[in-house]
Amino acid sequence: MFNRKTVALSLVLLLTVGMLFSVAGQANAGWWPFGGDEKKEETKQETKKTEENKKEASDNKLVVQGSSTVLPIAQKAAEVYMNKKDVEITVRGGGSGNGIAALIDNATDIADASRFIKKDEFMQARDNEVYPVPHRVAMDGIAVILNENNSVSNITLDEIKKIYTGQITNWKELGGPNEEIVVVSRDSSSGTFEVFGEIALEGERVAQTALMQSSNGTVASTVAETKGAIGYVGLGYLDNAGIKAVKVNGVTPTNATVASGQFPIARPLFMFTDGWPEGLTAQFINFVLSAEGQEIVKAQGYVPLH
């Protein structure tokens, strides 16, 4: 028979996770297995109390690491929060995959991610007695950008796919200049890379000639500096000099078109924690989700949840 406490806990978890993903789009991909038996949870808590923690966190210290898309939100929120409270918050980028790996290795308190956790990452975390919990903090569009001197102003998803898979190699094929297309992409540790590949490329591989970059910022700067370049970045990076965002399927990438669902390349942004957050971790996430925190999200060029 099932332990009543375990059943009750499972129902609470299911209801909470359901609320988390009610409007999260592709978030859980149908496999999300959150939960675990009571004994494992008790063992996990006992281990945390007795082992030396590898994290830099304490009552007044917090480490946030991961997605370069979420990075501007986390950095500004940390700056504002540290001005309010006597705390130390360290924020690092590195990509969604690296952030989730750091959470699994107990090297960060919060993993920023521009994609949902993968099933193999979740199982690896469980094996390490880490129980990732997602907190959706914003929405974002993935804008397709060109060098500002390119005359092309609209592109379709099918054309994006053909460019990134090497089937279209010159802008004249799309009514632009007789100029070789230079494909710029995020690297495989990036959540932006994962989502862009799923939506725009339908799972096909990026051409081997692509210039792979480690952050949104380096994608933007590479496109700005390279004649004929195309890239993709989060909405928060569209103010970089030397680039322009193009319409995709006739829709301009803006907060409004992402919020309405009109813009075709969009995704939720997450902060993951090990278990339900407590202490400073919970306080910081609650701040990001507060009215003031969501104003920070908006000010950084992303789509607030409310």
Protein backbone atom coordinates (compact mmCIF):
# COMPACT_ATOMS: atom_id res chain seq x y z
CA MET A 1 0.00 0.00 0.00
CA PHE A 2 1.05 3.58 -0.59
CA ASN A 3 2.11 5.68 2.37
CA ARG A 4 -0.55 8.39 2.84
CA LYS A 5 2.10 11.07 3.30
CA THR A 6 3.78 10.02 0.06
CA VAL A 7 0.49 10.10 -1.84
CA ALA A 8 -0.35 13.55 -0.49
CA LEU A 9 3.09 14.86 -1.36
CA SER A 10 2.82 13.43 -4.87
CA LEU A 11 -0.51 15.19 -5.42
CA VAL A 12 0.93 18.51 -4.27
CA LEU A 13 3.91 18.06 -6.58
CA LEU A 14 1.71 17.21 -9.55
CA LEU A 15 -0.55 20.20 -8.96
CA THR A 16 2.39 22.55 -8.55
CA VAL A 17 4.17 21.29 -11.65
CA GLY A 18 0.91 21.58 -13.56
CA MET A 19 0.63 25.23 -12.61
CA LEU A 20 4.25 25.84 -13.55
CA PHE A 21 3.70 24.57 -17.09
CA SER A 22 0.14 25.63 -17.82
CA VAL A 23 1.39 28.14 -20.40
CA ALA A 24 4.99 27.01 -20.77
CA GLY A 25 4.72 25.95 -24.40
CA GLN A 26 7.11 23.12 -25.21
CA ALA A 27 8.50 23.07 -21.68
CA ASN A 28 8.16 19.48 -20.53
CA ALA A 29 8.11 17.63 -23.88
CA GLY A 30 5.76 15.06 -22.34
CA TRP A 31 8.27 13.18 -20.19
CA TRP A 32 8.59 15.23 -16.95
CA PRO A 33 8.89 12.62 -14.18
CA PHE A 34 9.11 14.93 -11.16
CA GLY A 35 8.72 13.26 -7.83
CA GLY A 36 10.49 10.56 -5.90
CA ASP A 37 9.85 8.32 -2.96
CA GLU A 38 9.89 9.69 0.57
CA LYS A 39 12.94 7.72 1.62
CA LYS A 40 15.10 9.22 -1.16
CA GLU A 41 13.96 12.73 -0.23
CA GLU A 42 14.80 12.14 3.45
CA THR A 43 18.21 10.72 2.50
CA LYS A 44 18.86 13.71 0.27
CA GLN A 45 18.04 16.15 3.07
CA GLU A 46 20.19 14.27 5.58
CA THR A 47 23.10 14.20 3.13
CA LYS A 48 22.83 17.94 2.59
CA LYS A 49 22.95 18.54 6.33
CA THR A 50 25.99 16.37 6.98
CA GLU A 51 28.22 16.79 3.93
CA GLU A 52 30.36 19.83 3.19
CA ASN A 53 28.51 21.73 0.51
CA LYS A 54 30.47 22.46 -2.67
CA LYS A 55 28.36 25.51 -3.41
CA GLU A 56 29.41 29.02 -2.50
CA ALA A 57 26.00 29.62 -0.96
CA SER A 58 25.26 30.45 2.67
CA ASP A 59 22.60 32.53 4.38
CA ASN A 60 23.86 35.61 2.55
CA LYS A 61 25.62 34.18 -0.53
CA LEU A 62 24.12 32.86 -3.74
CA VAL A 63 25.53 31.50 -7.00
CA VAL A 64 23.57 31.76 -10.27
CA GLN A 65 24.98 30.19 -13.43
CA GLY A 66 23.92 29.20 -16.94
CA SER A 67 22.11 30.62 -19.95
CA SER A 68 23.58 33.72 -21.59
CA THR A 69 20.01 34.58 -22.61
CA VAL A 70 18.84 34.71 -18.99
CA LEU A 71 22.14 36.34 -17.94
CA PRO A 72 21.02 40.01 -18.36
CA ILE A 73 17.92 39.33 -16.27
CA ALA A 74 19.88 37.56 -13.54
CA GLN A 75 22.64 40.19 -13.49
CA LYS A 76 20.29 43.17 -13.19
CA ALA A 77 18.03 41.42 -10.67
CA ALA A 78 21.09 40.52 -8.57
CA GLU A 79 22.37 44.09 -8.73
CA VAL A 80 19.04 45.53 -7.57
CA TYR A 81 18.53 42.88 -4.89
CA MET A 82 22.04 43.35 -3.46
CA ASN A 83 21.29 47.06 -3.11
CA LYS A 84 18.26 46.14 -1.01
CA LYS A 85 19.77 43.37 1.12
CA ASP A 86 23.12 42.60 2.71
CA VAL A 87 23.80 39.62 0.44
CA GLU A 88 26.36 38.53 -2.16
CA ILE A 89 25.05 37.13 -5.44
CA THR A 90 27.51 35.80 -8.02
CA VAL A 91 26.10 35.54 -11.55
CA ARG A 92 27.86 33.66 -14.37
CA GLY A 93 26.98 32.73 -17.95
CA GLY A 94 28.31 29.74 -19.85
CA GLY A 95 25.14 28.38 -21.45
CA SER A 96 22.08 26.44 -20.29
CA GLY A 97 23.81 23.06 -20.48
CA ASN A 98 26.69 24.25 -18.33
CA GLY A 99 24.31 25.78 -15.81
CA ILE A 100 22.31 22.57 -15.47
CA ALA A 101 25.54 20.56 -15.21
CA ALA A 102 26.68 22.88 -12.41
CA LEU A 103 23.40 22.32 -10.57
CA ILE A 104 23.82 18.55 -10.92
CA ASP A 105 27.37 18.86 -9.53
CA ASN A 106 26.25 21.05 -6.60
CA ALA A 107 28.33 23.92 -8.00
CA THR A 108 25.50 26.46 -8.28
CA ASP A 109 22.34 27.31 -6.36
CA ILE A 110 20.36 28.39 -9.42
CA ALA A 111 20.80 27.17 -12.99
CA ASP A 112 19.58 29.65 -15.59
CA ALA A 113 18.23 27.93 -18.71
CA SER A 114 16.64 29.06 -21.96
CA ARG A 115 15.30 25.54 -22.51
CA PHE A 116 13.72 22.85 -20.38
CA ILE A 117 15.92 20.26 -18.72
CA LYS A 118 16.51 17.14 -20.83
CA LYS A 119 15.44 13.71 -19.64
CA ASP A 120 19.02 12.40 -19.45
CA GLU A 121 20.06 15.48 -17.44
CA PHE A 122 17.19 14.91 -15.04
CA MET A 123 18.10 11.25 -14.55
CA GLN A 124 21.76 12.17 -14.04
CA ALA A 125 20.65 14.66 -11.41
CA ARG A 126 18.53 12.04 -9.65
CA ASP A 127 21.52 9.69 -9.60
CA ASN A 128 23.46 12.47 -7.87
CA GLU A 129 20.61 13.06 -5.40
CA VAL A 130 19.80 16.40 -6.99
CA TYR A 131 16.12 17.10 -7.71
CA PRO A 132 15.79 19.89 -10.33
CA VAL A 133 12.72 22.10 -9.98
CA PRO A 134 11.88 24.61 -12.76
CA HIS A 135 10.78 28.18 -12.16
CA ARG A 136 9.57 29.99 -15.27
CA VAL A 137 10.72 33.62 -15.04
CA ALA A 138 10.09 35.13 -18.49
CA MET A 139 9.27 34.52 -22.14
CA ASP A 140 11.63 35.26 -25.02
CA GLY A 141 11.72 35.25 -28.79
CA ILE A 142 14.73 34.10 -30.78
CA ALA A 143 15.31 36.82 -33.34
CA VAL A 144 17.07 36.17 -36.64
CA ILE A 145 19.66 38.88 -37.23
CA LEU A 146 21.64 40.02 -40.27
CA ASN A 147 24.50 42.40 -40.81
CA GLU A 148 22.87 45.85 -40.90
CA ASN A 149 23.99 46.42 -44.52
CA ASN A 150 21.98 43.46 -45.83
CA SER A 151 18.87 44.54 -47.77
CA VAL A 152 16.84 41.41 -46.92
CA SER A 153 14.03 42.29 -44.48
CA ASN A 154 11.87 39.16 -44.29
CA ILE A 155 12.67 35.46 -44.21
CA THR A 156 10.57 32.32 -43.83
CA LEU A 157 11.16 29.41 -41.47
CA ASP A 158 11.77 27.19 -44.48
CA GLU A 159 14.42 29.58 -45.80
CA ILE A 160 16.09 29.73 -42.38
CA LYS A 161 16.24 25.95 -42.34
CA LYS A 162 17.76 25.84 -45.83
CA ILE A 163 20.35 28.48 -44.92
CA TYR A 164 21.42 26.76 -41.70
CA THR A 165 21.61 23.33 -43.31
CA GLY A 166 23.66 24.59 -46.25
CA GLN A 167 21.01 24.37 -48.99
CA ILE A 168 20.92 28.15 -49.59
CA THR A 169 24.37 29.75 -49.68
CA ASN A 170 23.95 33.14 -51.39
CA TRP A 171 21.68 36.04 -50.50
CA LYS A 172 20.71 36.55 -54.15
CA GLU A 173 18.64 33.35 -53.84
CA LEU A 174 16.41 35.31 -51.43
CA GLY A 175 16.29 38.53 -53.42
CA GLY A 176 19.26 40.06 -51.64
CA PRO A 177 22.77 41.01 -52.76
CA ASN A 178 25.08 38.66 -54.65
CA GLU A 179 26.86 37.82 -51.44
CA GLU A 180 27.89 34.56 -49.77
CA ILE A 181 25.91 33.74 -46.65
CA VAL A 182 28.02 33.36 -43.51
CA VAL A 183 26.12 31.21 -41.01
CA VAL A 184 26.65 32.08 -37.34
CA SER A 185 25.21 29.81 -34.65
CA ARG A 186 25.30 29.18 -30.92
CA ASP A 187 27.25 26.13 -29.78
CA SER A 188 25.67 22.91 -28.55
CA SER A 189 25.83 23.83 -24.84
CA SER A 190 23.32 26.61 -25.52
CA GLY A 191 19.62 26.35 -24.78
CA THR A 192 19.04 28.88 -27.56
CA PHE A 193 20.78 26.46 -29.95
CA GLU A 194 18.49 23.63 -28.80
CA VAL A 195 15.26 25.59 -29.19
CA PHE A 196 16.27 27.20 -32.50
CA GLY A 197 17.24 23.79 -33.85
CA GLU A 198 13.93 22.28 -32.79
CA ILE A 199 11.67 25.06 -34.11
CA ALA A 200 13.51 26.52 -37.10
CA LEU A 201 15.57 23.55 -38.28
CA GLU A 202 13.09 20.82 -37.31
CA GLY A 203 15.89 18.82 -35.73
CA GLU A 204 18.27 18.89 -38.71
CA ARG A 205 21.99 19.51 -38.17
CA VAL A 206 23.61 22.90 -38.63
CA ALA A 207 26.03 23.04 -41.58
CA GLN A 208 29.63 22.24 -40.65
CA THR A 209 30.74 25.59 -42.10
CA ALA A 210 28.79 27.51 -39.44
CA LEU A 211 30.73 29.77 -37.07
CA MET A 212 29.79 28.43 -33.63
CA GLN A 213 29.69 30.98 -30.81
CA SER A 214 29.51 30.62 -27.03
CA SER A 215 27.06 33.43 -26.24
CA ASN A 216 24.36 35.71 -27.62
CA GLY A 217 26.79 38.59 -27.39
CA THR A 218 29.43 36.93 -29.55
CA VAL A 219 26.80 35.95 -32.13
CA ALA A 220 25.68 39.58 -32.34
CA SER A 221 29.22 40.96 -32.60
CA THR A 222 30.23 38.36 -35.21
CA VAL A 223 27.20 39.18 -37.38
CA ALA A 224 27.90 42.91 -36.99
CA GLU A 225 31.51 42.47 -38.08
CA THR A 226 30.94 39.97 -40.91
CA LYS A 227 29.60 40.85 -44.35
CA GLY A 228 26.76 38.53 -45.39
CA ALA A 229 26.35 37.04 -41.90
CA ILE A 230 23.16 35.65 -40.37
CA GLY A 231 22.68 34.69 -36.74
CA TYR A 232 20.07 34.36 -34.00
CA VAL A 233 19.85 35.89 -30.52
CA GLY A 234 17.41 36.51 -27.69
CA LEU A 235 15.35 39.70 -27.85
CA GLY A 236 17.50 41.28 -25.16
CA TYR A 237 20.45 41.50 -27.57
CA LEU A 238 18.77 43.36 -30.43
CA ASP A 239 20.19 46.72 -29.36
CA ASN A 240 23.73 45.67 -30.33
CA ALA A 241 25.25 47.95 -32.97
CA GLY A 242 25.76 46.73 -36.53
CA ILE A 243 22.89 44.22 -36.66
CA LYS A 244 19.23 44.24 -37.64
CA ALA A 245 16.40 41.84 -36.87
CA VAL A 246 14.40 40.55 -39.82
CA LYS A 247 10.78 39.50 -39.92
CA VAL A 248 10.16 35.76 -39.79
CA ASN A 249 7.14 34.63 -41.82
CA GLY A 250 6.22 38.31 -42.01
CA VAL A 251 6.23 38.85 -38.23
CA THR A 252 8.59 41.28 -36.48
CA PRO A 253 10.21 39.90 -33.29
CA THR A 254 8.87 42.06 -30.44
CA ASN A 255 7.63 41.54 -26.89
CA ALA A 256 4.07 41.92 -28.15
CA THR A 257 4.35 39.35 -30.96
CA VAL A 258 6.07 36.87 -28.64
CA ALA A 259 3.44 37.35 -25.91
CA SER A 260 0.61 36.91 -28.43
CA GLY A 261 2.15 33.78 -29.96
CA GLN A 262 2.43 35.38 -33.41
CA PHE A 263 6.22 35.24 -33.59
CA PRO A 264 7.11 31.64 -34.49
CA ILE A 265 10.43 31.23 -32.65
CA ALA A 266 9.74 31.70 -28.95
CA ARG A 267 10.35 29.88 -25.67
CA PRO A 268 10.02 30.22 -21.88
CA LEU A 269 13.06 31.09 -19.75
CA PHE A 270 13.77 29.19 -16.54
CA MET A 271 15.68 29.21 -13.29
CA PHE A 272 16.21 25.69 -11.91
CA THR A 273 16.87 24.86 -8.26
CA ASP A 274 17.76 21.67 -6.40
CA GLY A 275 14.44 20.89 -4.76
CA TRP A 276 11.94 23.49 -3.65
CA PRO A 277 14.01 26.61 -2.88
CA GLU A 278 14.53 27.91 0.62
CA GLY A 279 16.30 30.85 2.22
CA LEU A 280 18.10 33.28 -0.07
CA THR A 281 17.50 31.08 -3.14
CA ALA A 282 13.73 31.31 -2.64
CA GLN A 283 13.90 35.01 -1.80
CA PHE A 284 15.82 35.83 -4.99
CA ILE A 285 13.52 33.81 -7.27
CA ASN A 286 10.48 35.39 -5.61
CA PHE A 287 12.03 38.79 -6.28
CA VAL A 288 12.50 37.97 -9.98
CA LEU A 289 8.85 36.88 -10.12
CA SER A 290 7.60 39.95 -8.24
CA ALA A 291 6.20 43.03 -9.97
CA GLU A 292 9.56 44.77 -9.56
CA GLY A 293 11.43 41.75 -10.88
CA GLN A 294 9.17 41.47 -13.91
CA GLU A 295 9.81 45.15 -14.66
CA ILE A 296 13.51 44.21 -14.76
CA VAL A 297 12.65 41.42 -17.21
CA LYS A 298 10.85 43.93 -19.43
CA ALA A 299 13.62 46.53 -19.15
CA GLN A 300 16.17 43.96 -20.33
CA GLY A 301 14.16 43.40 -23.52
CA TYR A 302 12.32 40.20 -22.58
CA VAL A 303 8.64 39.36 -22.14
CA PRO A 304 7.40 39.47 -18.53
CA LEU A 305 4.98 36.87 -17.22
CA HIS A 306 2.62 39.49 -15.82
